[in-house]
């Protein structure tokens, strides 16, 4: 972690990952990508895996609905 970034700030960004506001979450992700440490990397990878699984489920669900509804 860069010397100018303290643990309180990192913890604040980690906490913002669960914020209801998507802009806050995106900012936290960007900040952690710039100034985070190995813990941040671990947390971001967990979220990426979860988002990837959710994204995949959404694609499958939309495909099934389009097929069932006869929509192209």
PDB file of N, CA and C in Angstrom:
ATOM      1  N   UNK A   1       0.852  -1.170   0.000  1.00  0.00           N
ATOM      2  CA  UNK A   1       0.000   0.000   0.000  1.00  0.00           C
ATOM      3  C   UNK A   1       0.895   1.229   0.000  1.00  0.00           C
ATOM      4  N   UNK A   2       0.566   2.238  -0.799  1.00  0.00           N
ATOM      5  CA  UNK A   2       1.370   3.459  -0.803  1.00  0.00           C
ATOM      6  C   UNK A   2       1.397   4.095   0.579  1.00  0.00           C
ATOM      7  N   UNK A   3       2.520   4.725   0.948  1.00  0.00           N
ATOM      8  CA  UNK A   3       2.666   5.266   2.299  1.00  0.00           C
ATOM      9  C   UNK A   3       1.679   6.376   2.635  1.00  0.00           C
ATOM     10  N   UNK A   4       1.118   7.051   1.652  1.00  0.00           N
ATOM     11  CA  UNK A   4       0.203   8.154   1.922  1.00  0.00           C
ATOM     12  C   UNK A   4      -1.237   7.702   2.156  1.00  0.00           C
ATOM     13  N   UNK A   5      -1.508   6.410   2.076  1.00  0.00           N
ATOM     14  CA  UNK A   5      -2.854   5.888   2.283  1.00  0.00           C
ATOM     15  C   UNK A   5      -2.873   5.145   3.612  1.00  0.00           C
ATOM     16  N   UNK A   6      -3.743   5.594   4.533  1.00  0.00           N
ATOM     17  CA  UNK A   6      -3.757   4.943   5.834  1.00  0.00           C
ATOM     18  C   UNK A   6      -4.850   3.876   5.913  1.00  0.00           C
ATOM     19  N   UNK A   7      -4.754   3.065   6.956  1.00  0.00           N
ATOM     20  CA  UNK A   7      -5.683   1.948   7.125  1.00  0.00           C
ATOM     21  C   UNK A   7      -7.126   2.415   7.286  1.00  0.00           C
ATOM     22  N   UNK A   8      -7.339   3.557   7.941  1.00  0.00           N
ATOM     23  CA  UNK A   8      -8.699   4.059   8.126  1.00  0.00           C
ATOM     24  C   UNK A   8      -9.355   4.352   6.783  1.00  0.00           C
ATOM     25  N   UNK A   9      -8.594   4.947   5.889  1.00  0.00           N
ATOM     26  CA  UNK A   9      -9.122   5.271   4.562  1.00  0.00           C
ATOM     27  C   UNK A   9      -9.441   3.991   3.793  1.00  0.00           C
ATOM     28  N   UNK A  10      -8.542   3.026   3.838  1.00  0.00           N
ATOM     29  CA  UNK A  10      -8.766   1.747   3.160  1.00  0.00           C
ATOM     30  C   UNK A  10     -10.013   1.072   3.732  1.00  0.00           C
ATOM     31  N   UNK A  11     -10.128   1.052   5.064  1.00  0.00           N
ATOM     32  CA  UNK A  11     -11.303   0.441   5.691  1.00  0.00           C
ATOM     33  C   UNK A  11     -12.589   1.169   5.301  1.00  0.00           C
ATOM     34  N   UNK A  12     -12.496   2.480   5.154  1.00  0.00           N
ATOM     35  CA  UNK A  12     -13.653   3.256   4.725  1.00  0.00           C
ATOM     36  C   UNK A  12     -14.088   2.836   3.325  1.00  0.00           C
ATOM     37  N   UNK A  13     -13.121   2.702   2.428  1.00  0.00           N
ATOM     38  CA  UNK A  13     -13.447   2.272   1.063  1.00  0.00           C
ATOM     39  C   UNK A  13     -14.005   0.851   1.055  1.00  0.00           C
ATOM     40  N   UNK A  14     -13.440  -0.035   1.877  1.00  0.00           N
ATOM     41  CA  UNK A  14     -13.961  -1.398   1.949  1.00  0.00           C
ATOM     42  C   UNK A  14     -15.411  -1.397   2.420  1.00  0.00           C
ATOM     43  N   UNK A  15     -15.726  -0.543   3.385  1.00  0.00           N
ATOM     44  CA  UNK A  15     -17.092  -0.427   3.868  1.00  0.00           C
ATOM     45  C   UNK A  15     -18.037   0.111   2.813  1.00  0.00           C
ATOM     46  N   UNK A  16     -17.525   0.974   1.958  1.00  0.00           N
ATOM     47  CA  UNK A  16     -18.361   1.570   0.907  1.00  0.00           C
ATOM     48  C   UNK A  16     -18.729   0.574  -0.186  1.00  0.00           C
ATOM     49  N   UNK A  17     -18.071  -0.569  -0.217  1.00  0.00           N
ATOM     50  CA  UNK A  17     -18.402  -1.580  -1.222  1.00  0.00           C
ATOM     51  C   UNK A  17     -19.824  -2.112  -1.052  1.00  0.00           C
ATOM     52  N   UNK A  18     -20.397  -1.928   0.138  1.00  0.00           N
ATOM     53  CA  UNK A  18     -21.763  -2.388   0.399  1.00  0.00           C
ATOM     54  C   UNK A  18     -22.781  -1.258   0.374  1.00  0.00           C
ATOM     55  N   UNK A  19     -22.359  -0.078  -0.037  1.00  0.00           N
ATOM     56  CA  UNK A  19     -23.261   1.074  -0.069  1.00  0.00           C
ATOM     57  C   UNK A  19     -24.387   0.845  -1.072  1.00  0.00           C
ATOM     58  N   UNK A  20     -25.544   1.423  -0.784  1.00  0.00           N
ATOM     59  CA  UNK A  20     -26.691   1.299  -1.697  1.00  0.00           C
ATOM     60  C   UNK A  20     -26.487   2.081  -2.984  1.00  0.00           C
ATOM     61  N   UNK A  21     -25.696   3.130  -2.933  1.00  0.00           N
ATOM     62  CA  UNK A  21     -25.472   4.003  -4.087  1.00  0.00           C
ATOM     63  C   UNK A  21     -24.389   3.403  -4.980  1.00  0.00           C
ATOM     64  N   UNK A  22     -24.729   3.070  -6.235  1.00  0.00           N
ATOM     65  CA  UNK A  22     -23.736   2.472  -7.133  1.00  0.00           C
ATOM     66  C   UNK A  22     -22.529   3.377  -7.385  1.00  0.00           C
ATOM     67  N   UNK A  23     -22.733   4.691  -7.397  1.00  0.00           N
ATOM     68  CA  UNK A  23     -21.611   5.597  -7.631  1.00  0.00           C
ATOM     69  C   UNK A  23     -20.608   5.535  -6.486  1.00  0.00           C
ATOM     70  N   UNK A  24     -21.098   5.376  -5.266  1.00  0.00           N
ATOM     71  CA  UNK A  24     -20.214   5.241  -4.103  1.00  0.00           C
ATOM     72  C   UNK A  24     -19.417   3.946  -4.214  1.00  0.00           C
ATOM     73  N   UNK A  25     -20.100   2.855  -4.593  1.00  0.00           N
ATOM     74  CA  UNK A  25     -19.414   1.568  -4.743  1.00  0.00           C
ATOM     75  C   UNK A  25     -18.349   1.639  -5.830  1.00  0.00           C
ATOM     76  N   UNK A  26     -18.687   2.256  -6.962  1.00  0.00           N
ATOM     77  CA  UNK A  26     -17.734   2.367  -8.070  1.00  0.00           C
ATOM     78  C   UNK A  26     -16.527   3.195  -7.658  1.00  0.00           C
ATOM     79  N   UNK A  27     -16.762   4.291  -6.964  1.00  0.00           N
ATOM     80  CA  UNK A  27     -15.648   5.116  -6.483  1.00  0.00           C
ATOM     81  C   UNK A  27     -14.756   4.317  -5.536  1.00  0.00           C
ATOM     82  N   UNK A  28     -15.370   3.578  -4.622  1.00  0.00           N
ATOM     83  CA  UNK A  28     -14.593   2.772  -3.680  1.00  0.00           C
ATOM     84  C   UNK A  28     -13.748   1.736  -4.419  1.00  0.00           C
ATOM     85  N   UNK A  29     -14.339   1.084  -5.405  1.00  0.00           N
ATOM     86  CA  UNK A  29     -13.603   0.089  -6.204  1.00  0.00           C
ATOM     87  C   UNK A  29     -12.412   0.743  -6.891  1.00  0.00           C
ATOM     88  N   UNK A  30     -12.639   1.907  -7.499  1.00  0.00           N
ATOM     89  CA  UNK A  30     -11.546   2.611  -8.172  1.00  0.00           C
ATOM     90  C   UNK A  30     -10.447   3.014  -7.190  1.00  0.00           C
ATOM     91  N   UNK A  31     -10.845   3.516  -6.037  1.00  0.00           N
ATOM     92  CA  UNK A  31      -9.862   3.939  -5.029  1.00  0.00           C
ATOM     93  C   UNK A  31      -9.058   2.745  -4.510  1.00  0.00           C
ATOM     94  N   UNK A  32      -9.737   1.645  -4.266  1.00  0.00           N
ATOM     95  CA  UNK A  32      -9.042   0.450  -3.789  1.00  0.00           C
ATOM     96  C   UNK A  32      -8.096  -0.094  -4.856  1.00  0.00           C
ATOM     97  N   UNK A  33      -8.489   0.029  -6.108  1.00  0.00           N
ATOM     98  CA  UNK A  33      -7.614  -0.405  -7.196  1.00  0.00           C
ATOM     99  C   UNK A  33      -6.344   0.430  -7.283  1.00  0.00           C
ATOM    100  N   UNK A  34      -6.434   1.675  -6.875  1.00  0.00           N
ATOM    101  CA  UNK A  34      -5.272   2.568  -6.917  1.00  0.00           C
ATOM    102  C   UNK A  34      -4.400   2.458  -5.680  1.00  0.00           C
ATOM    103  N   UNK A  35      -5.029   2.246  -4.512  1.00  0.00           N
ATOM    104  CA  UNK A  35      -4.257   2.388  -3.276  1.00  0.00           C
ATOM    105  C   UNK A  35      -4.416   1.228  -2.308  1.00  0.00           C
ATOM    106  N   UNK A  36      -5.060   0.163  -2.732  1.00  0.00           N
ATOM    107  CA  UNK A  36      -5.327  -0.941  -1.834  1.00  0.00           C
ATOM    108  C   UNK A  36      -4.143  -1.845  -1.589  1.00  0.00           C
ATOM    109  N   UNK A  37      -4.373  -2.843  -0.755  1.00  0.00           N
ATOM    110  CA  UNK A  37      -3.341  -3.807  -0.405  1.00  0.00           C
ATOM    111  C   UNK A  37      -3.838  -5.210  -0.754  1.00  0.00           C
ATOM    112  N   UNK A  38      -3.183  -6.242  -0.213  1.00  0.00           N
ATOM    113  CA  UNK A  38      -3.578  -7.614  -0.546  1.00  0.00           C
ATOM    114  C   UNK A  38      -4.972  -7.946  -0.047  1.00  0.00           C
ATOM    115  N   UNK A  39      -5.383  -7.405   1.098  1.00  0.00           N
ATOM    116  CA  UNK A  39      -6.742  -7.616   1.592  1.00  0.00           C
ATOM    117  C   UNK A  39      -7.757  -7.043   0.606  1.00  0.00           C
ATOM    118  N   UNK A  40      -7.458  -5.878   0.079  1.00  0.00           N
ATOM    119  CA  UNK A  40      -8.345  -5.243  -0.901  1.00  0.00           C
ATOM    120  C   UNK A  40      -8.445  -6.099  -2.156  1.00  0.00           C
ATOM    121  N   UNK A  41      -7.331  -6.623  -2.590  1.00  0.00           N
ATOM    122  CA  UNK A  41      -7.324  -7.492  -3.770  1.00  0.00           C
ATOM    123  C   UNK A  41      -8.222  -8.700  -3.530  1.00  0.00           C
ATOM    124  N   UNK A  42      -8.108  -9.292  -2.351  1.00  0.00           N
ATOM    125  CA  UNK A  42      -8.930 -10.456  -2.005  1.00  0.00           C
ATOM    126  C   UNK A  42     -10.408 -10.085  -2.026  1.00  0.00           C
ATOM    127  N   UNK A  43     -10.777  -8.974  -1.396  1.00  0.00           N
ATOM    128  CA  UNK A  43     -12.177  -8.548  -1.350  1.00  0.00           C
ATOM    129  C   UNK A  43     -12.722  -8.245  -2.745  1.00  0.00           C
ATOM    130  N   UNK A  44     -11.922  -7.582  -3.563  1.00  0.00           N
ATOM    131  CA  UNK A  44     -12.378  -7.257  -4.920  1.00  0.00           C
ATOM    132  C   UNK A  44     -12.546  -8.520  -5.767  1.00  0.00           C
ATOM    133  N   UNK A  45     -11.663  -9.492  -5.576  1.00  0.00           N
ATOM    134  CA  UNK A  45     -11.796 -10.755  -6.324  1.00  0.00           C
ATOM    135  C   UNK A  45     -13.060 -11.501  -5.923  1.00  0.00           C
ATOM    136  N   UNK A  46     -13.393 -11.483  -4.631  1.00  0.00           N
ATOM    137  CA  UNK A  46     -14.624 -12.128  -4.166  1.00  0.00           C
ATOM    138  C   UNK A  46     -15.824 -11.474  -4.829  1.00  0.00           C
ATOM    139  N   UNK A  47     -15.821 -10.149  -4.842  1.00  0.00           N
ATOM    140  CA  UNK A  47     -16.944  -9.422  -5.451  1.00  0.00           C
ATOM    141  C   UNK A  47     -17.013  -9.663  -6.951  1.00  0.00           C
ATOM    142  N   UNK A  48     -15.877  -9.746  -7.595  1.00  0.00           N
ATOM    143  CA  UNK A  48     -15.851 -10.013  -9.032  1.00  0.00           C
ATOM    144  C   UNK A  48     -16.444 -11.386  -9.319  1.00  0.00           C
ATOM    145  N   UNK A  49     -16.091 -12.361  -8.521  1.00  0.00           N
ATOM    146  CA  UNK A  49     -16.632 -13.710  -8.708  1.00  0.00           C
ATOM    147  C   UNK A  49     -18.149 -13.690  -8.530  1.00  0.00           C
ATOM    148  N   UNK A  50     -18.621 -13.028  -7.469  1.00  0.00           N
ATOM    149  CA  UNK A  50     -20.063 -12.944  -7.235  1.00  0.00           C
ATOM    150  C   UNK A  50     -20.767 -12.224  -8.373  1.00  0.00           C
ATOM    151  N   UNK A  51     -20.184 -11.122  -8.839  1.00  0.00           N
ATOM    152  CA  UNK A  51     -20.797 -10.363  -9.930  1.00  0.00           C
ATOM    153  C   UNK A  51     -20.797 -11.178 -11.214  1.00  0.00           C
ATOM    154  N   UNK A  52     -19.744 -11.925 -11.455  1.00  0.00           N
ATOM    155  CA  UNK A  52     -19.669 -12.747 -12.654  1.00  0.00           C
ATOM    156  C   UNK A  52     -20.754 -13.814 -12.624  1.00  0.00           C
ATOM    157  N   UNK A  53     -20.950 -14.447 -11.469  1.00  0.00           N
ATOM    158  CA  UNK A  53     -21.997 -15.460 -11.348  1.00  0.00           C
ATOM    159  C   UNK A  53     -23.378 -14.834 -11.527  1.00  0.00           C
ATOM    160  N   UNK A  54     -23.585 -13.645 -10.950  1.00  0.00           N
ATOM    161  CA  UNK A  54     -24.861 -12.957 -11.105  1.00  0.00           C
ATOM    162  C   UNK A  54     -25.077 -12.557 -12.555  1.00  0.00           C
ATOM    163  N   UNK A  55     -24.039 -12.052 -13.188  1.00  0.00           N
ATOM    164  CA  UNK A  55     -24.124 -11.649 -14.591  1.00  0.00           C
ATOM    165  C   UNK A  55     -24.477 -12.850 -15.468  1.00  0.00           C
ATOM    166  N   UNK A  56     -23.831 -13.970 -15.210  1.00  0.00           N
ATOM    167  CA  UNK A  56     -24.106 -15.184 -15.973  1.00  0.00           C
ATOM    168  C   UNK A  56     -25.559 -15.627 -15.771  1.00  0.00           C
ATOM    169  N   UNK A  57     -26.043 -15.580 -14.526  1.00  0.00           N
ATOM    170  CA  UNK A  57     -27.433 -15.967 -14.249  1.00  0.00           C
ATOM    171  C   UNK A  57     -28.410 -15.033 -14.955  1.00  0.00           C
ATOM    172  N   UNK A  58     -28.093 -13.741 -14.987  1.00  0.00           N
ATOM    173  CA  UNK A  58     -28.956 -12.783 -15.686  1.00  0.00           C
ATOM    174  C   UNK A  58     -29.030 -13.077 -17.180  1.00  0.00           C
ATOM    175  N   UNK A  59     -27.890 -13.371 -17.781  1.00  0.00           N
ATOM    176  CA  UNK A  59     -27.856 -13.677 -19.219  1.00  0.00           C
ATOM    177  C   UNK A  59     -28.702 -14.913 -19.515  1.00  0.00           C
ATOM    178  N   UNK A  60     -28.563 -15.945 -18.690  1.00  0.00           N
ATOM    179  CA  UNK A  60     -29.329 -17.179 -18.903  1.00  0.00           C
ATOM    180  C   UNK A  60     -30.817 -16.919 -18.724  1.00  0.00           C
ATOM    181  N   UNK A  61     -31.176 -16.168 -17.669  1.00  0.00           N
ATOM    182  CA  UNK A  61     -32.591 -15.883 -17.410  1.00  0.00           C
ATOM    183  C   UNK A  61     -33.211 -15.076 -18.544  1.00  0.00           C
ATOM    184  N   UNK A  62     -32.504 -14.081 -19.043  1.00  0.00           N
ATOM    185  CA  UNK A  62     -33.014 -13.273 -20.151  1.00  0.00           C
ATOM    186  C   UNK A  62     -33.175 -14.143 -21.399  1.00  0.00           C
ATOM    187  N   UNK A  63     -32.210 -14.993 -21.658  1.00  0.00           N
ATOM    188  CA  UNK A  63     -32.302 -15.892 -22.811  1.00  0.00           C
ATOM    189  C   UNK A  63     -33.501 -16.814 -22.723  1.00  0.00           C
ATOM    190  N   UNK A  64     -33.734 -17.377 -21.524  1.00  0.00           N
ATOM    191  CA  UNK A  64     -34.891 -18.262 -21.341  1.00  0.00           C
ATOM    192  C   UNK A  64     -36.197 -17.497 -21.538  1.00  0.00           C
ATOM    193  N   UNK A  65     -36.278 -16.302 -20.967  1.00  0.00           N
ATOM    194  CA  UNK A  65     -37.503 -15.506 -21.116  1.00  0.00           C
ATOM    195  C   UNK A  65     -37.755 -15.136 -22.567  1.00  0.00           C
ATOM    196  N   UNK A  66     -36.702 -14.743 -23.264  1.00  0.00           N
ATOM    197  CA  UNK A  66     -36.871 -14.392 -24.677  1.00  0.00           C
ATOM    198  C   UNK A  66     -37.386 -15.597 -25.458  1.00  0.00           C
ATOM    199  N   UNK A  67     -36.836 -16.772 -25.181  1.00  0.00           N
ATOM    200  CA  UNK A  67     -37.257 -17.990 -25.870  1.00  0.00           C
ATOM    201  C   UNK A  67     -38.713 -18.306 -25.530  1.00  0.00           C
ATOM    202  N   UNK A  68     -39.033 -18.268 -24.237  1.00  0.00           N
ATOM    203  CA  UNK A  68     -40.396 -18.593 -23.803  1.00  0.00           C
ATOM    204  C   UNK A  68     -41.425 -17.589 -24.323  1.00  0.00           C
ATOM    205  N   UNK A  69     -41.027 -16.356 -24.479  1.00  0.00           N
ATOM    206  CA  UNK A  69     -41.937 -15.319 -24.944  1.00  0.00           C
ATOM    207  C   UNK A  69     -41.913 -15.148 -26.466  1.00  0.00           C
ATOM    208  N   UNK A  70     -41.017 -15.872 -27.124  1.00  0.00           N
ATOM    209  CA  UNK A  70     -40.912 -15.783 -28.569  1.00  0.00           C
ATOM    210  C   UNK A  70     -40.370 -14.468 -29.053  1.00  0.00           C
ATOM    211  N   UNK A  71     -39.479 -13.880 -28.266  1.00  0.00           N
ATOM    212  CA  UNK A  71     -38.880 -12.579 -28.601  1.00  0.00           C
ATOM    213  C   UNK A  71     -37.446 -12.791 -29.072  1.00  0.00           C
ATOM    214  N   UNK A  72     -37.080 -12.060 -30.128  1.00  0.00           N
ATOM    215  CA  UNK A  72     -35.692 -12.154 -30.626  1.00  0.00           C
ATOM    216  C   UNK A  72     -34.866 -11.041 -30.071  1.00  0.00           C
TER     217      UNK A  72
END
